[in-house]
Amino acid sequence: MACLLCQKNIEDIDFKNTQLLSRFISAMGKIRPRKKTGLCANHQRKLARAIKRARFLGLMPYSKK
């Protein structure tokens, strides 16, 4: 299975793009693992960093209650 972001030629994941980031968060608000997302290791690391930055700046919630 090929990485979704590699197929779309997305190099950098922007933390301000919360619509994209929310696709990779579970119903409980956790970051989904690589096996579930289907991303390559490089994009999974960039995704996790972008989600954490968005949470810190208040663009995304830490948990969904």
N, C-alpha and C. Protein backbone atom coordinates (compact mmCIF):
# COMPACT_ATOMS: atom_id res chain seq x y z
N MET A 1 0.84 -1.18 0.00
CA MET A 1 0.00 0.00 0.00
C MET A 1 0.89 1.25 0.00
N ALA A 2 0.63 2.14 -0.91
CA ALA A 2 1.43 3.34 -1.04
C ALA A 2 0.93 4.44 -0.10
N CYS A 3 1.83 5.30 0.28
CA CYS A 3 1.52 6.41 1.18
C CYS A 3 0.62 7.42 0.45
N LEU A 4 -0.45 7.82 1.11
CA LEU A 4 -1.40 8.77 0.53
C LEU A 4 -0.74 10.11 0.23
N LEU A 5 0.10 10.58 1.13
CA LEU A 5 0.73 11.88 0.94
C LEU A 5 1.84 11.82 -0.11
N CYS A 6 2.48 10.67 -0.26
CA CYS A 6 3.48 10.50 -1.33
C CYS A 6 2.80 10.52 -2.69
N GLN A 7 1.62 9.92 -2.78
CA GLN A 7 0.90 9.89 -4.04
C GLN A 7 0.47 11.29 -4.48
N LYS A 8 0.11 12.14 -3.50
CA LYS A 8 -0.33 13.51 -3.81
C LYS A 8 0.83 14.49 -3.87
N ASN A 9 2.07 14.00 -3.75
CA ASN A 9 3.29 14.83 -3.78
C ASN A 9 3.26 15.92 -2.72
N ILE A 10 2.83 15.60 -1.53
CA ILE A 10 2.84 16.54 -0.41
C ILE A 10 4.14 16.33 0.37
N GLU A 11 5.02 17.32 0.33
CA GLU A 11 6.30 17.23 1.02
C GLU A 11 6.15 17.60 2.49
N ASP A 12 5.64 18.79 2.74
CA ASP A 12 5.51 19.29 4.10
C ASP A 12 4.04 19.31 4.50
N ILE A 13 3.78 18.93 5.74
CA ILE A 13 2.43 18.94 6.28
C ILE A 13 2.29 20.19 7.13
N ASP A 14 1.35 21.05 6.77
CA ASP A 14 1.17 22.32 7.46
C ASP A 14 0.28 22.12 8.68
N PHE A 15 0.72 22.63 9.84
CA PHE A 15 -0.06 22.46 11.06
C PHE A 15 -1.33 23.30 11.05
N LYS A 16 -1.43 24.27 10.14
CA LYS A 16 -2.63 25.11 10.05
C LYS A 16 -3.74 24.44 9.24
N ASN A 17 -3.42 23.38 8.53
CA ASN A 17 -4.40 22.65 7.73
C ASN A 17 -5.07 21.59 8.63
N THR A 18 -5.97 22.03 9.49
CA THR A 18 -6.59 21.14 10.46
C THR A 18 -7.55 20.15 9.81
N GLN A 19 -8.06 20.48 8.65
CA GLN A 19 -8.96 19.56 7.94
C GLN A 19 -8.21 18.29 7.53
N LEU A 20 -7.00 18.44 7.06
CA LEU A 20 -6.18 17.29 6.70
C LEU A 20 -5.75 16.52 7.95
N LEU A 21 -5.34 17.25 8.97
CA LEU A 21 -4.85 16.60 10.19
C LEU A 21 -5.94 15.81 10.91
N SER A 22 -7.16 16.30 10.86
CA SER A 22 -8.24 15.63 11.58
C SER A 22 -8.57 14.26 10.98
N ARG A 23 -8.17 14.01 9.75
CA ARG A 23 -8.38 12.70 9.13
C ARG A 23 -7.54 11.62 9.81
N PHE A 24 -6.45 12.01 10.45
CA PHE A 24 -5.52 11.06 11.04
C PHE A 24 -5.62 11.00 12.56
N ILE A 25 -6.75 11.44 13.10
CA ILE A 25 -6.98 11.39 14.55
C ILE A 25 -8.17 10.48 14.80
N SER A 26 -8.06 9.65 15.84
CA SER A 26 -9.14 8.71 16.16
C SER A 26 -10.31 9.45 16.83
N ALA A 27 -11.36 8.72 17.11
CA ALA A 27 -12.55 9.30 17.74
C ALA A 27 -12.25 9.79 19.16
N MET A 28 -11.26 9.20 19.80
CA MET A 28 -10.88 9.61 21.15
C MET A 28 -9.87 10.76 21.14
N GLY A 29 -9.43 11.17 19.96
CA GLY A 29 -8.50 12.28 19.85
C GLY A 29 -7.04 11.87 19.79
N LYS A 30 -6.76 10.59 19.67
CA LYS A 30 -5.38 10.11 19.61
C LYS A 30 -4.89 10.10 18.16
N ILE A 31 -3.58 10.22 18.00
CA ILE A 31 -2.98 10.14 16.68
C ILE A 31 -2.99 8.68 16.25
N ARG A 32 -3.52 8.41 15.08
CA ARG A 32 -3.62 7.03 14.61
C ARG A 32 -2.24 6.49 14.25
N PRO A 33 -2.01 5.20 14.49
CA PRO A 33 -0.71 4.61 14.16
C PRO A 33 -0.52 4.44 12.66
N ARG A 34 0.71 4.16 12.30
CA ARG A 34 1.09 4.04 10.89
C ARG A 34 0.34 2.94 10.17
N LYS A 35 0.07 1.85 10.85
CA LYS A 35 -0.63 0.74 10.21
C LYS A 35 -2.05 1.14 9.83
N LYS A 36 -2.67 1.99 10.62
CA LYS A 36 -4.04 2.43 10.33
C LYS A 36 -4.08 3.52 9.27
N THR A 37 -3.11 4.45 9.31
CA THR A 37 -3.12 5.57 8.37
C THR A 37 -2.59 5.18 7.00
N GLY A 38 -1.65 4.23 6.96
CA GLY A 38 -1.06 3.82 5.70
C GLY A 38 -0.01 4.79 5.19
N LEU A 39 0.53 5.62 6.07
CA LEU A 39 1.56 6.57 5.67
C LEU A 39 2.94 5.95 5.79
N CYS A 40 3.89 6.53 5.07
CA CYS A 40 5.28 6.10 5.22
C CYS A 40 5.83 6.68 6.52
N ALA A 41 6.97 6.20 6.95
CA ALA A 41 7.54 6.62 8.23
C ALA A 41 7.85 8.12 8.25
N ASN A 42 8.35 8.62 7.14
CA ASN A 42 8.70 10.04 7.06
C ASN A 42 7.46 10.92 7.22
N HIS A 43 6.39 10.60 6.52
CA HIS A 43 5.18 11.41 6.61
C HIS A 43 4.48 11.21 7.95
N GLN A 44 4.57 10.03 8.55
CA GLN A 44 3.95 9.81 9.85
C GLN A 44 4.62 10.68 10.92
N ARG A 45 5.94 10.81 10.86
CA ARG A 45 6.65 11.67 11.81
C ARG A 45 6.26 13.14 11.61
N LYS A 46 6.19 13.57 10.35
CA LYS A 46 5.79 14.95 10.06
C LYS A 46 4.35 15.21 10.48
N LEU A 47 3.49 14.21 10.30
CA LEU A 47 2.08 14.33 10.69
C LEU A 47 1.96 14.49 12.21
N ALA A 48 2.65 13.65 12.95
CA ALA A 48 2.59 13.71 14.41
C ALA A 48 3.10 15.06 14.92
N ARG A 49 4.17 15.56 14.32
CA ARG A 49 4.72 16.86 14.72
C ARG A 49 3.73 17.98 14.42
N ALA A 50 3.07 17.92 13.27
CA ALA A 50 2.10 18.95 12.89
C ALA A 50 0.88 18.91 13.81
N ILE A 51 0.41 17.73 14.17
CA ILE A 51 -0.74 17.62 15.08
C ILE A 51 -0.39 18.18 16.45
N LYS A 52 0.79 17.87 16.94
CA LYS A 52 1.21 18.37 18.25
C LYS A 52 1.35 19.89 18.24
N ARG A 53 1.86 20.45 17.16
CA ARG A 53 1.97 21.91 17.05
C ARG A 53 0.59 22.56 17.00
N ALA A 54 -0.32 21.96 16.24
CA ALA A 54 -1.68 22.51 16.14
C ALA A 54 -2.39 22.45 17.49
N ARG A 55 -2.16 21.38 18.24
CA ARG A 55 -2.76 21.27 19.57
C ARG A 55 -2.19 22.33 20.50
N PHE A 56 -0.89 22.54 20.45
CA PHE A 56 -0.25 23.52 21.33
C PHE A 56 -0.76 24.93 21.06
N LEU A 57 -1.01 25.26 19.81
CA LEU A 57 -1.47 26.59 19.44
C LEU A 57 -3.00 26.74 19.57
N GLY A 58 -3.68 25.67 19.94
CA GLY A 58 -5.13 25.75 20.15
C GLY A 58 -5.95 25.59 18.90
N LEU A 59 -5.35 25.12 17.82
CA LEU A 59 -6.10 24.92 16.57
C LEU A 59 -6.87 23.60 16.59
N MET A 60 -6.38 22.63 17.39
CA MET A 60 -7.04 21.33 17.51
C MET A 60 -7.13 20.96 18.98
N PRO A 61 -8.15 20.20 19.35
CA PRO A 61 -8.26 19.79 20.76
C PRO A 61 -7.29 18.66 21.09
N TYR A 62 -6.93 18.56 22.37
CA TYR A 62 -6.09 17.46 22.81
C TYR A 62 -6.89 16.17 22.90
N SER A 63 -8.16 16.28 23.27
CA SER A 63 -9.02 15.09 23.35
C SER A 63 -10.42 15.47 22.95
N LYS A 64 -11.17 14.47 22.55
CA LYS A 64 -12.58 14.69 22.19
C LYS A 64 -13.42 14.01 23.26
N LYS A 65 -14.21 14.78 23.92
CA LYS A 65 -15.02 14.19 25.01
C LYS A 65 -16.42 13.95 24.58
